[in-house]
C-alpha atoms as a PDB file:
ATOM      1  CA  MET A   1       0.000   0.000   0.000  1.00  0.00           C
ATOM      2  CA  GLY A   2       1.364   3.425  -0.956  1.00  0.00           C
ATOM      3  CA  GLU A   3       1.788   6.531   1.128  1.00  0.00           C
ATOM      4  CA  ARG A   4      -1.220   8.509   2.263  1.00  0.00           C
ATOM      5  CA  ALA A   5      -1.764  11.893   0.630  1.00  0.00           C
ATOM      6  CA  ARG A   6      -0.348  14.690   2.759  1.00  0.00           C
ATOM      7  CA  VAL A   7      -1.147  18.391   2.534  1.00  0.00           C
ATOM      8  CA  GLU A   8       1.600  20.182   4.427  1.00  0.00           C
ATOM      9  CA  ILE A   9       0.439  23.785   4.221  1.00  0.00           C
ATOM     10  CA  VAL A  10      -2.601  25.812   3.263  1.00  0.00           C
ATOM     11  CA  THR A  11      -1.761  29.336   2.240  1.00  0.00           C
ATOM     12  CA  GLY A  12      -2.839  32.113  -0.106  1.00  0.00           C
ATOM     13  CA  THR A  13      -3.525  35.814  -0.394  1.00  0.00           C
ATOM     14  CA  ASP A  14      -6.426  38.190  -0.827  1.00  0.00           C
ATOM     15  CA  LYS A  15      -4.338  40.777  -2.667  1.00  0.00           C
ATOM     16  CA  VAL A  16      -4.867  39.476  -6.204  1.00  0.00           C
ATOM     17  CA  THR A  17      -7.066  40.341  -9.166  1.00  0.00           C
ATOM     18  CA  LEU A  18      -8.458  38.079 -11.856  1.00  0.00           C
ATOM     19  CA  VAL A  19      -8.109  39.489 -15.378  1.00  0.00           C
ATOM     20  CA  GLU A  20     -10.207  37.523 -17.851  1.00  0.00           C
ATOM     21  CA  ILE A  21     -10.256  37.948 -21.603  1.00  0.00           C
ATOM     22  CA  HIS A  22     -13.258  36.523 -23.434  1.00  0.00           C
ATOM     23  CA  ASP A  23     -13.100  36.450 -27.216  1.00  0.00           C
ATOM     24  CA  PRO A  24     -14.854  33.855 -29.403  1.00  0.00           C
ATOM     25  CA  SER A  25     -12.226  34.419 -32.123  1.00  0.00           C
ATOM     26  CA  MET A  26      -9.512  32.812 -29.979  1.00  0.00           C
ATOM     27  CA  VAL A  27     -10.769  29.284 -30.709  1.00  0.00           C
ATOM     28  CA  GLY A  28      -8.212  27.748 -33.052  1.00  0.00           C
ATOM     29  CA  THR A  29      -6.206  30.971 -33.361  1.00  0.00           C
ATOM     30  CA  VAL A  30      -2.515  30.133 -33.111  1.00  0.00           C
ATOM     31  CA  GLY A  31      -0.664  32.704 -31.002  1.00  0.00           C
ATOM     32  CA  PHE A  32      -3.724  34.308 -29.417  1.00  0.00           C
ATOM     33  CA  ASP A  33      -2.193  33.860 -25.965  1.00  0.00           C
ATOM     34  CA  ALA A  34       1.163  35.250 -27.163  1.00  0.00           C
ATOM     35  CA  GLY A  35      -0.496  38.554 -28.054  1.00  0.00           C
ATOM     36  CA  LEU A  36      -1.967  38.821 -24.585  1.00  0.00           C
ATOM     37  CA  MET A  37       1.391  37.963 -23.006  1.00  0.00           C
ATOM     38  CA  SER A  38       3.100  40.730 -25.006  1.00  0.00           C
ATOM     39  CA  ILE A  39       0.685  43.253 -23.460  1.00  0.00           C
ATOM     40  CA  PHE A  40       1.425  41.861 -20.000  1.00  0.00           C
ATOM     41  CA  THR A  41       5.151  42.106 -20.741  1.00  0.00           C
ATOM     42  CA  ARG A  42       4.858  45.759 -21.850  1.00  0.00           C
ATOM     43  CA  HIS A  43       3.131  46.546 -18.553  1.00  0.00           C
ATOM     44  CA  ASN A  44       5.568  44.461 -16.471  1.00  0.00           C
ATOM     45  CA  VAL A  45       2.816  42.081 -15.304  1.00  0.00           C
ATOM     46  CA  SER A  46       3.685  38.610 -14.061  1.00  0.00           C
ATOM     47  CA  TYR A  47       0.843  36.206 -13.415  1.00  0.00           C
ATOM     48  CA  ILE A  48       0.345  33.753 -10.542  1.00  0.00           C
ATOM     49  CA  LEU A  49      -2.157  31.432 -12.232  1.00  0.00           C
ATOM     50  CA  LYS A  50      -3.623  31.020 -15.709  1.00  0.00           C
ATOM     51  CA  ALA A  51      -6.839  29.194 -16.571  1.00  0.00           C
ATOM     52  CA  THR A  52      -8.125  28.773 -20.114  1.00  0.00           C
ATOM     53  CA  ASN A  53     -10.999  27.311 -22.057  1.00  0.00           C
ATOM     54  CA  ALA A  54     -12.161  27.542 -25.678  1.00  0.00           C
ATOM     55  CA  ASN A  55     -12.822  31.274 -25.674  1.00  0.00           C
ATOM     56  CA  SER A  56     -11.580  32.699 -22.364  1.00  0.00           C
ATOM     57  CA  ILE A  57      -8.214  33.176 -20.706  1.00  0.00           C
ATOM     58  CA  ALA A  58      -8.040  34.217 -17.051  1.00  0.00           C
ATOM     59  CA  HIS A  59      -4.850  35.396 -15.380  1.00  0.00           C
ATOM     60  CA  LEU A  60      -4.519  35.951 -11.653  1.00  0.00           C
ATOM     61  CA  VAL A  61      -2.146  38.849 -10.978  1.00  0.00           C
ATOM     62  CA  TRP A  62      -1.077  40.928  -8.000  1.00  0.00           C
ATOM     63  CA  ASP A  63      -3.418  43.859  -7.305  1.00  0.00           C
ATOM     64  CA  SER A  64      -0.533  46.296  -7.742  1.00  0.00           C
ATOM     65  CA  SER A  65      -0.034  45.114 -11.354  1.00  0.00           C
ATOM     66  CA  VAL A  66      -3.481  46.193 -12.487  1.00  0.00           C
ATOM     67  CA  THR A  67      -3.198  49.730 -13.786  1.00  0.00           C
ATOM     68  CA  PRO A  68      -5.672  51.856 -15.754  1.00  0.00           C
ATOM     69  CA  GLU A  69      -3.197  51.774 -18.670  1.00  0.00           C
ATOM     70  CA  LEU A  70      -3.104  47.960 -18.688  1.00  0.00           C
ATOM     71  CA  VAL A  71      -6.895  47.675 -18.572  1.00  0.00           C
ATOM     72  CA  ALA A  72      -7.286  50.295 -21.333  1.00  0.00           C
ATOM     73  CA  GLU A  73      -4.893  48.446 -23.663  1.00  0.00           C
ATOM     74  CA  LEU A  74      -6.633  45.128 -23.004  1.00  0.00           C
ATOM     75  CA  GLU A  75     -10.035  46.692 -23.673  1.00  0.00           C
ATOM     76  CA  GLU A  76      -8.744  48.167 -26.958  1.00  0.00           C
ATOM     77  CA  GLN A  77      -7.497  44.762 -28.077  1.00  0.00           C
ATOM     78  CA  TYR A  78     -10.102  42.252 -26.873  1.00  0.00           C
ATOM     79  CA  GLN A  79     -13.863  41.853 -27.052  1.00  0.00           C
ATOM     80  CA  VAL A  80     -14.667  41.388 -23.331  1.00  0.00           C
ATOM     81  CA  VAL A  81     -12.265  42.184 -20.481  1.00  0.00           C
ATOM     82  CA  THR A  82     -13.291  41.444 -16.900  1.00  0.00           C
ATOM     83  CA  VAL A  83     -11.147  42.711 -14.029  1.00  0.00           C
ATOM     84  CA  LYS A  84     -12.228  41.464 -10.609  1.00  0.00           C
ATOM     85  CA  PRO A  85     -10.523  41.542  -7.195  1.00  0.00           C
ATOM     86  CA  ASN A  86     -10.285  37.954  -5.906  1.00  0.00           C
ATOM     87  CA  ALA A  87      -8.305  35.783  -3.511  1.00  0.00           C
ATOM     88  CA  ILE A  88      -6.338  32.573  -3.943  1.00  0.00           C
ATOM     89  CA  VAL A  89      -5.998  29.661  -1.548  1.00  0.00           C
ATOM     90  CA  CYS A  90      -3.465  26.901  -2.113  1.00  0.00           C
ATOM     91  CA  ALA A  91      -3.059  23.434  -0.636  1.00  0.00           C
ATOM     92  CA  ILE A  92       0.568  22.377  -0.958  1.00  0.00           C
ATOM     93  CA  GLY A  93       1.852  18.923  -0.158  1.00  0.00           C
ATOM     94  CA  SER A  94       3.351  15.661  -1.232  1.00  0.00           C
ATOM     95  CA  ASN A  95       1.702  12.638  -2.793  1.00  0.00           C
ATOM     96  CA  ILE A  96      -1.486  14.630  -3.461  1.00  0.00           C
ATOM     97  CA  SER A  97      -1.846  13.016  -6.878  1.00  0.00           C
ATOM     98  CA  ILE A  98      -3.914  10.283  -5.237  1.00  0.00           C
ATOM     99  CA  PRO A  99      -7.475  10.301  -6.637  1.00  0.00           C
ATOM    100  CA  GLY A 100      -9.863  12.104  -4.340  1.00  0.00           C
ATOM    101  CA  VAL A 101      -7.601  14.766  -2.818  1.00  0.00           C
ATOM    102  CA  LEU A 102      -8.671  17.528  -5.213  1.00  0.00           C
ATOM    103  CA  ALA A 103     -12.294  16.457  -4.798  1.00  0.00           C
ATOM    104  CA  LYS A 104     -11.976  16.555  -0.996  1.00  0.00           C
ATOM    105  CA  ALA A 105     -10.541  20.082  -1.173  1.00  0.00           C
ATOM    106  CA  ALA A 106     -13.288  21.280  -3.503  1.00  0.00           C
ATOM    107  CA  GLN A 107     -15.947  19.654  -1.306  1.00  0.00           C
ATOM    108  CA  ALA A 108     -14.520  21.334   1.807  1.00  0.00           C
ATOM    109  CA  LEU A 109     -14.841  24.705   0.067  1.00  0.00           C
ATOM    110  CA  ALA A 110     -18.382  23.922  -1.102  1.00  0.00           C
ATOM    111  CA  ASN A 111     -19.385  22.808   2.406  1.00  0.00           C
ATOM    112  CA  ALA A 112     -18.101  26.145   3.722  1.00  0.00           C
ATOM    113  CA  GLY A 113     -20.180  28.044   1.136  1.00  0.00           C
ATOM    114  CA  VAL A 114     -17.137  29.100  -0.905  1.00  0.00           C
ATOM    115  CA  ASN A 115     -17.555  29.180  -4.687  1.00  0.00           C
ATOM    116  CA  VAL A 116     -14.491  28.421  -6.823  1.00  0.00           C
ATOM    117  CA  ASN A 117     -13.984  30.884  -9.707  1.00  0.00           C
ATOM    118  CA  CYS A 118     -10.923  29.100 -11.159  1.00  0.00           C
ATOM    119  CA  VAL A 119      -8.914  26.050 -10.168  1.00  0.00           C
ATOM    120  CA  SER A 120      -5.435  24.945 -11.158  1.00  0.00           C
ATOM    121  CA  GLN A 121      -3.321  21.891 -10.538  1.00  0.00           C
ATOM    122  CA  THR A 122      -0.420  20.933 -12.773  1.00  0.00           C
ATOM    123  CA  LEU A 123       0.721  17.442 -13.693  1.00  0.00           C
ATOM    124  CA  ARG A 124       3.297  17.535 -10.889  1.00  0.00           C
ATOM    125  CA  GLN A 125       0.380  17.715  -8.431  1.00  0.00           C
ATOM    126  CA  VAL A 126       2.047  19.273  -5.425  1.00  0.00           C
ATOM    127  CA  ASN A 127      -0.086  22.438  -5.317  1.00  0.00           C
ATOM    128  CA  MET A 128      -3.845  22.867  -5.730  1.00  0.00           C
ATOM    129  CA  GLN A 129      -4.856  26.484  -6.312  1.00  0.00           C
ATOM    130  CA  PHE A 130      -8.377  27.831  -5.952  1.00  0.00           C
ATOM    131  CA  VAL A 131      -9.356  31.350  -7.013  1.00  0.00           C
ATOM    132  CA  ILE A 132     -12.276  32.525  -4.892  1.00  0.00           C
ATOM    133  CA  GLU A 133     -14.193  35.647  -3.944  1.00  0.00           C
ATOM    134  CA  ARG A 134     -12.076  37.955  -1.820  1.00  0.00           C
ATOM    135  CA  GLU A 135     -14.572  38.018   1.055  1.00  0.00           C
ATOM    136  CA  ASP A 136     -14.363  34.206   1.324  1.00  0.00           C
ATOM    137  CA  TYR A 137     -10.591  34.130   1.873  1.00  0.00           C
ATOM    138  CA  LYS A 138     -10.487  33.462   5.641  1.00  0.00           C
ATOM    139  CA  THR A 139     -13.356  30.972   5.447  1.00  0.00           C
ATOM    140  CA  ALA A 140     -11.574  29.070   2.658  1.00  0.00           C
ATOM    141  CA  ILE A 141      -8.253  28.955   4.527  1.00  0.00           C
ATOM    142  CA  LYS A 142     -10.000  27.528   7.601  1.00  0.00           C
ATOM    143  CA  ALA A 143     -12.050  25.018   5.588  1.00  0.00           C
ATOM    144  CA  LEU A 144      -9.024  23.645   3.714  1.00  0.00           C
ATOM    145  CA  ASN A 145      -6.934  23.494   6.893  1.00  0.00           C
ATOM    146  CA  MET A 146      -9.647  21.553   8.709  1.00  0.00           C
ATOM    147  CA  ALA A 147     -10.310  19.139   5.832  1.00  0.00           C
ATOM    148  CA  LEU A 148      -6.761  18.560   4.599  1.00  0.00           C
ATOM    149  CA  CYS A 149      -4.466  19.163   7.581  1.00  0.00           C
ATOM    150  CA  VAL A 150      -6.283  18.910  10.927  1.00  0.00           C
ATOM    151  CA  ASN A 151      -8.783  16.178  10.003  1.00  0.00           C
ATOM    152  CA  SER A 152      -6.778  14.706   7.179  1.00  0.00           C
ATOM    153  CA  GLY A 153      -7.412  11.062   8.078  1.00  0.00           C
ATOM    154  CA  ALA A 154      -9.701   8.706   6.133  1.00  0.00           C
ATOM    155  CA  PRO A 155     -11.893   9.973   3.395  1.00  0.00           C
ATOM    156  CA  VAL A 156      -8.737  10.620   1.274  1.00  0.00           C
ATOM    157  CA  PRO A 157      -7.985   7.344  -0.517  1.00  0.00           C
ATOM    158  CA  THR A 158      -4.620   5.596  -0.340  1.00  0.00           C
ATOM    159  CA  ALA A 159      -2.566   4.713  -3.396  1.00  0.00           C
END
């Protein structure tokens, strides 16, 4: 039997903003993302998280990176630009690639009444990131700590 999943720390910040670009023309357009990144580069913006689908790209950036000039250039270039203050909570650990860990984290947030705006977990699976409403930040930190650290026994499957 393999190791049990272990979340070692729950952390995050409520000093971030989600910048989402929605443009139906991006489907199948090679380099669409590169154009957006060149605008971010011109404005010295580094992102924390990126989530994409067929016609939207969302970047989570530090609040201090969002300037009127950046927003104006994005609005000139893209069909719909949404800029929304958010928060991010992260569960960081080892062996969290076991099926059920991400589901347990998402369920803990749902049980606490926290809606997830974006979620990210890479193939390496050592960090689950949830973008949430800013006012839910403290609730989310507590919920993930209770579910994944304090009461981390059973419902998470073993490998």
